[in-house]
Amino acid sequence: MRFKNYLGIIFLFVAATGCIRPPDNFPSVPSITFESLEYVPTSGPDSLIIGIDFQDAEGDLGLEATDINPPFNAVNYQRDAAGNLITYSKRPIEAPNYNPIDWIIDPIVNNQVVRDTIWIKQNPNQYNIFVRFFIKRNGTFTEFRWQDPPFFTTFNGRFPRILTTEEGQSIEGNIRYGMLSSGWEAIFRNDTIRVDVEIQDRALNRSNQVSSEEVTLRQITR
């Protein structure tokens, strides 16, 4: 089955709410708990929605679309010993074959379009929510890696800034993170799955990892 039939188009949608609290006993590193996992079939792409509760002492949670400068840049361009961008036609032996995660076509580098296919490495700090999927087979959970063939994608993403004021205020609240795809049922069918989640603040402090219960899509259908 072809990739486009398996997965369809991926969309992410996020709703984050928070309230300001006194800073006593709130962690500097974000702390989260798993709140819910819901599956919502629709006439279009279906939704898998994660709910997590959070606490953070500084309130520096969230990234906007304009947060694209280091350390939040999307990719790092690979260069040779002379400092030149590594192109696909001149790739070294250790470079991967073409795929849309490791190579980019005609990127803008230093405000100039480079008319070539360039080797890149994804920067994990472009995201602030990290999602991993696991399937239970023969009593053992194995990670389902979206970044591997044939999908070459990720469900990591961004939630927006929760505070619009200056940082330094402790907050707690809830994040609902929705992932849309036409392929959930084609891939997971009646399998038992688990979803692991982490978040990260703008100081690049990674939260604890939390896990959903062991569920099937049917069990969490809304």
Protein backbone atom coordinates (compact mmCIF):
# COMPACT_ATOMS: atom_id res chain seq x y z
CA MET A 1 0.00 0.00 0.00
CA ARG A 2 1.33 3.37 -0.92
CA PHE A 3 2.27 5.91 1.72
CA LYS A 4 -0.38 8.43 0.71
CA ASN A 5 -3.08 5.79 1.09
CA TYR A 6 -1.80 4.66 4.45
CA LEU A 7 -1.36 7.95 6.18
CA GLY A 8 -3.08 10.70 4.28
CA ILE A 9 -2.32 14.30 5.16
CA ILE A 10 -1.12 15.08 8.66
CA PHE A 11 -2.36 18.14 10.52
CA LEU A 12 -1.67 19.26 14.06
CA PHE A 13 -3.91 21.42 16.20
CA VAL A 14 -3.29 22.61 19.74
CA ALA A 15 -5.29 24.21 22.51
CA ALA A 16 -3.37 25.31 25.60
CA THR A 17 -4.80 26.92 28.69
CA GLY A 18 -3.00 28.05 31.81
CA CYS A 19 -3.46 29.97 35.01
CA ILE A 20 -0.93 31.95 37.02
CA ARG A 21 -0.04 30.64 40.46
CA PRO A 22 2.38 31.67 43.21
CA PRO A 23 5.81 30.20 42.42
CA ASP A 24 6.18 28.14 45.61
CA ASN A 25 6.89 24.46 44.98
CA PHE A 26 6.59 24.73 41.20
CA PRO A 27 9.39 23.02 39.24
CA SER A 28 11.82 24.92 36.99
CA VAL A 29 11.79 21.92 34.68
CA PRO A 30 8.26 21.47 33.30
CA SER A 31 6.28 18.76 35.06
CA ILE A 32 3.44 16.99 33.26
CA THR A 33 0.83 14.32 33.93
CA PHE A 34 -1.13 12.38 31.33
CA GLU A 35 -4.77 13.42 31.35
CA SER A 36 -6.50 11.82 28.35
CA LEU A 37 -6.26 10.18 24.93
CA GLU A 38 -9.22 10.35 22.55
CA TYR A 39 -9.88 9.12 19.03
CA VAL A 40 -12.41 11.11 17.00
CA PRO A 41 -13.37 9.70 13.57
CA THR A 42 -14.72 12.25 11.10
CA SER A 43 -15.77 12.40 7.47
CA GLY A 44 -12.30 13.76 6.74
CA PRO A 45 -8.99 13.12 8.53
CA ASP A 46 -9.53 11.50 11.93
CA SER A 47 -8.27 13.03 15.18
CA LEU A 48 -6.11 11.51 17.88
CA ILE A 49 -6.12 14.00 20.75
CA ILE A 50 -3.71 13.97 23.70
CA GLY A 51 -4.50 15.84 26.90
CA ILE A 52 -1.76 16.63 29.44
CA ASP A 53 -1.67 18.77 32.58
CA PHE A 54 1.43 20.85 33.25
CA GLN A 55 3.19 22.94 35.91
CA ASP A 56 6.16 25.25 35.35
CA ALA A 57 7.86 27.78 37.63
CA GLU A 58 8.99 30.32 35.03
CA GLY A 59 6.08 30.15 32.61
CA ASP A 60 8.40 29.96 29.60
CA LEU A 61 6.28 27.43 27.77
CA GLY A 62 5.26 27.65 24.14
CA LEU A 63 6.67 28.70 20.78
CA GLU A 64 5.18 30.94 18.12
CA ALA A 65 5.55 30.52 14.37
CA THR A 66 8.02 33.41 14.41
CA ASP A 67 10.36 31.55 16.79
CA ILE A 68 12.63 30.28 14.01
CA ASN A 69 16.08 31.54 15.04
CA PRO A 70 18.53 29.33 16.96
CA PRO A 71 18.00 27.35 19.07
CA PHE A 72 14.53 26.90 17.53
CA ASN A 73 15.62 26.68 13.88
CA ALA A 74 14.10 23.77 12.00
CA VAL A 75 17.23 22.23 10.47
CA ASN A 76 21.01 22.33 10.51
CA TYR A 77 22.72 22.33 7.12
CA GLN A 78 25.53 19.84 6.75
CA ARG A 79 28.83 21.13 5.39
CA ASP A 80 32.10 19.59 4.24
CA ALA A 81 35.55 20.29 5.67
CA ALA A 82 35.80 23.41 3.52
CA GLY A 83 32.53 24.75 4.84
CA ASN A 84 30.51 24.10 1.68
CA LEU A 85 26.98 22.81 1.79
CA ILE A 86 26.83 19.09 1.02
CA THR A 87 24.72 18.39 -2.06
CA TYR A 88 23.10 15.11 -2.98
CA SER A 89 25.21 14.73 -6.11
CA LYS A 90 28.41 15.08 -4.03
CA ARG A 91 27.27 13.33 -0.88
CA PRO A 92 29.81 11.34 1.15
CA ILE A 93 29.42 7.62 1.65
CA GLU A 94 27.98 8.07 5.13
CA ALA A 95 25.15 10.31 3.91
CA PRO A 96 21.67 8.73 3.75
CA ASN A 97 19.79 8.09 0.54
CA TYR A 98 17.27 10.72 -0.44
CA ASN A 99 14.31 11.13 1.86
CA PRO A 100 12.35 14.23 2.91
CA ILE A 101 13.72 14.20 6.46
CA ASP A 102 17.45 14.21 5.64
CA TRP A 103 17.42 16.23 2.40
CA ILE A 104 15.85 19.52 1.38
CA ILE A 105 15.35 20.83 -2.14
CA ASP A 106 16.13 24.46 -3.04
CA PRO A 107 16.37 25.78 0.53
CA ILE A 108 16.87 29.40 1.50
CA VAL A 109 20.24 29.67 3.23
CA ASN A 110 21.47 33.05 4.48
CA ASN A 111 18.63 34.75 2.59
CA GLN A 112 19.58 33.13 -0.72
CA VAL A 113 17.90 30.28 -2.56
CA VAL A 114 20.26 27.35 -3.11
CA ARG A 115 19.17 25.56 -6.29
CA ASP A 116 20.17 22.08 -5.23
CA THR A 117 19.32 19.24 -2.86
CA ILE A 118 21.10 19.78 0.44
CA TRP A 119 21.86 17.40 3.30
CA ILE A 120 20.28 18.51 6.56
CA LYS A 121 19.77 17.28 10.09
CA GLN A 122 16.54 18.00 11.86
CA ASN A 123 16.84 20.15 14.99
CA PRO A 124 14.71 18.62 17.77
CA ASN A 125 14.51 22.02 19.48
CA GLN A 126 12.22 23.29 16.72
CA TYR A 127 9.51 21.42 18.64
CA ASN A 128 8.22 21.74 22.17
CA ILE A 129 6.00 18.68 22.37
CA PHE A 130 7.35 15.22 21.59
CA VAL A 131 5.13 12.22 20.87
CA ARG A 132 6.14 8.57 20.48
CA PHE A 133 3.87 5.66 19.55
CA PHE A 134 4.17 2.05 20.67
CA ILE A 135 2.34 -1.09 19.51
CA LYS A 136 1.95 -4.14 21.73
CA ARG A 137 2.73 -7.41 19.99
CA ASN A 138 3.14 -10.74 21.81
CA GLY A 139 3.05 -8.94 25.13
CA THR A 140 5.86 -6.53 24.28
CA PHE A 141 5.66 -2.88 23.23
CA THR A 142 7.69 -1.86 20.18
CA GLU A 143 8.04 1.73 19.02
CA PHE A 144 6.25 2.63 15.80
CA ARG A 145 8.72 5.05 14.22
CA TRP A 146 6.95 7.52 11.94
CA GLN A 147 10.31 8.93 10.82
CA ASP A 148 11.28 5.64 9.19
CA PRO A 149 10.24 4.46 5.69
CA PRO A 150 7.72 4.69 4.19
CA PHE A 151 6.34 7.60 6.22
CA PHE A 152 9.34 9.91 6.83
CA THR A 153 7.35 12.17 9.12
CA THR A 154 6.81 13.05 12.78
CA PHE A 155 4.01 13.91 15.14
CA ASN A 156 6.27 16.12 17.22
CA GLY A 157 5.08 19.71 17.06
CA ARG A 158 4.59 23.05 18.76
CA PHE A 159 2.05 24.51 21.12
CA PRO A 160 1.84 28.33 21.29
CA ARG A 161 3.15 30.58 24.05
CA ILE A 162 0.89 30.28 27.06
CA LEU A 163 1.85 33.61 28.63
CA THR A 164 2.00 36.79 26.57
CA THR A 165 3.59 38.74 29.43
CA GLU A 166 7.18 38.62 30.62
CA GLU A 167 8.52 35.32 31.86
CA GLY A 168 9.01 34.56 35.54
CA GLN A 169 5.45 33.68 36.50
CA SER A 170 4.64 30.16 37.54
CA ILE A 171 1.77 28.53 35.69
CA GLU A 172 -0.25 25.37 35.54
CA GLY A 173 -2.85 24.26 33.07
CA ASN A 174 -3.81 21.82 30.35
CA ILE A 175 -2.63 21.20 26.79
CA ARG A 176 -4.80 19.40 24.24
CA TYR A 177 -2.72 18.33 21.28
CA GLY A 178 -4.54 16.97 18.25
CA MET A 179 -3.02 14.91 15.45
CA LEU A 180 -5.09 14.44 12.29
CA SER A 181 -4.60 11.65 9.80
CA SER A 182 -6.68 9.46 7.52
CA GLY A 183 -4.51 6.48 8.43
CA TRP A 184 -4.98 5.76 12.14
CA GLU A 185 -7.29 2.79 11.64
CA ALA A 186 -5.37 1.44 8.65
CA ILE A 187 -2.16 1.35 10.70
CA PHE A 188 -3.25 0.51 14.24
CA ARG A 189 -6.43 -1.49 13.50
CA ASN A 190 -7.28 -3.41 16.70
CA ASP A 191 -3.77 -3.23 18.14
CA THR A 192 -3.09 -2.23 21.71
CA ILE A 193 -1.13 1.01 21.62
CA ARG A 194 0.57 3.39 24.04
CA VAL A 195 1.54 7.01 23.52
CA ASP A 196 4.48 8.66 25.34
CA VAL A 197 4.70 12.45 25.63
CA GLU A 198 7.23 15.06 26.75
CA ILE A 199 7.25 18.85 26.52
CA GLN A 200 10.09 21.38 26.54
CA ASP A 201 10.33 25.00 27.67
CA ARG A 202 12.14 27.79 25.87
CA ALA A 203 15.21 27.28 28.06
CA LEU A 204 15.31 23.77 26.50
CA ASN A 205 14.44 22.03 29.77
CA ARG A 206 12.75 18.76 28.87
CA SER A 207 9.91 17.59 31.08
CA ASN A 208 9.36 14.17 32.54
CA GLN A 209 7.95 11.59 30.15
CA VAL A 210 4.37 10.43 30.66
CA SER A 211 2.47 7.58 29.06
CA SER A 212 -1.11 6.89 28.15
CA GLU A 213 -2.86 3.78 29.31
CA GLU A 214 -2.69 0.70 27.08
CA VAL A 215 -5.65 1.17 24.76
CA THR A 216 -7.16 0.32 21.39
CA LEU A 217 -8.68 2.94 19.11
CA ARG A 218 -12.12 1.45 19.75
CA GLN A 219 -11.72 1.92 23.50
CA ILE A 220 -10.93 5.64 23.20
CA THR A 221 -13.34 6.52 20.38
CA ARG A 222 -15.45 9.56 21.16
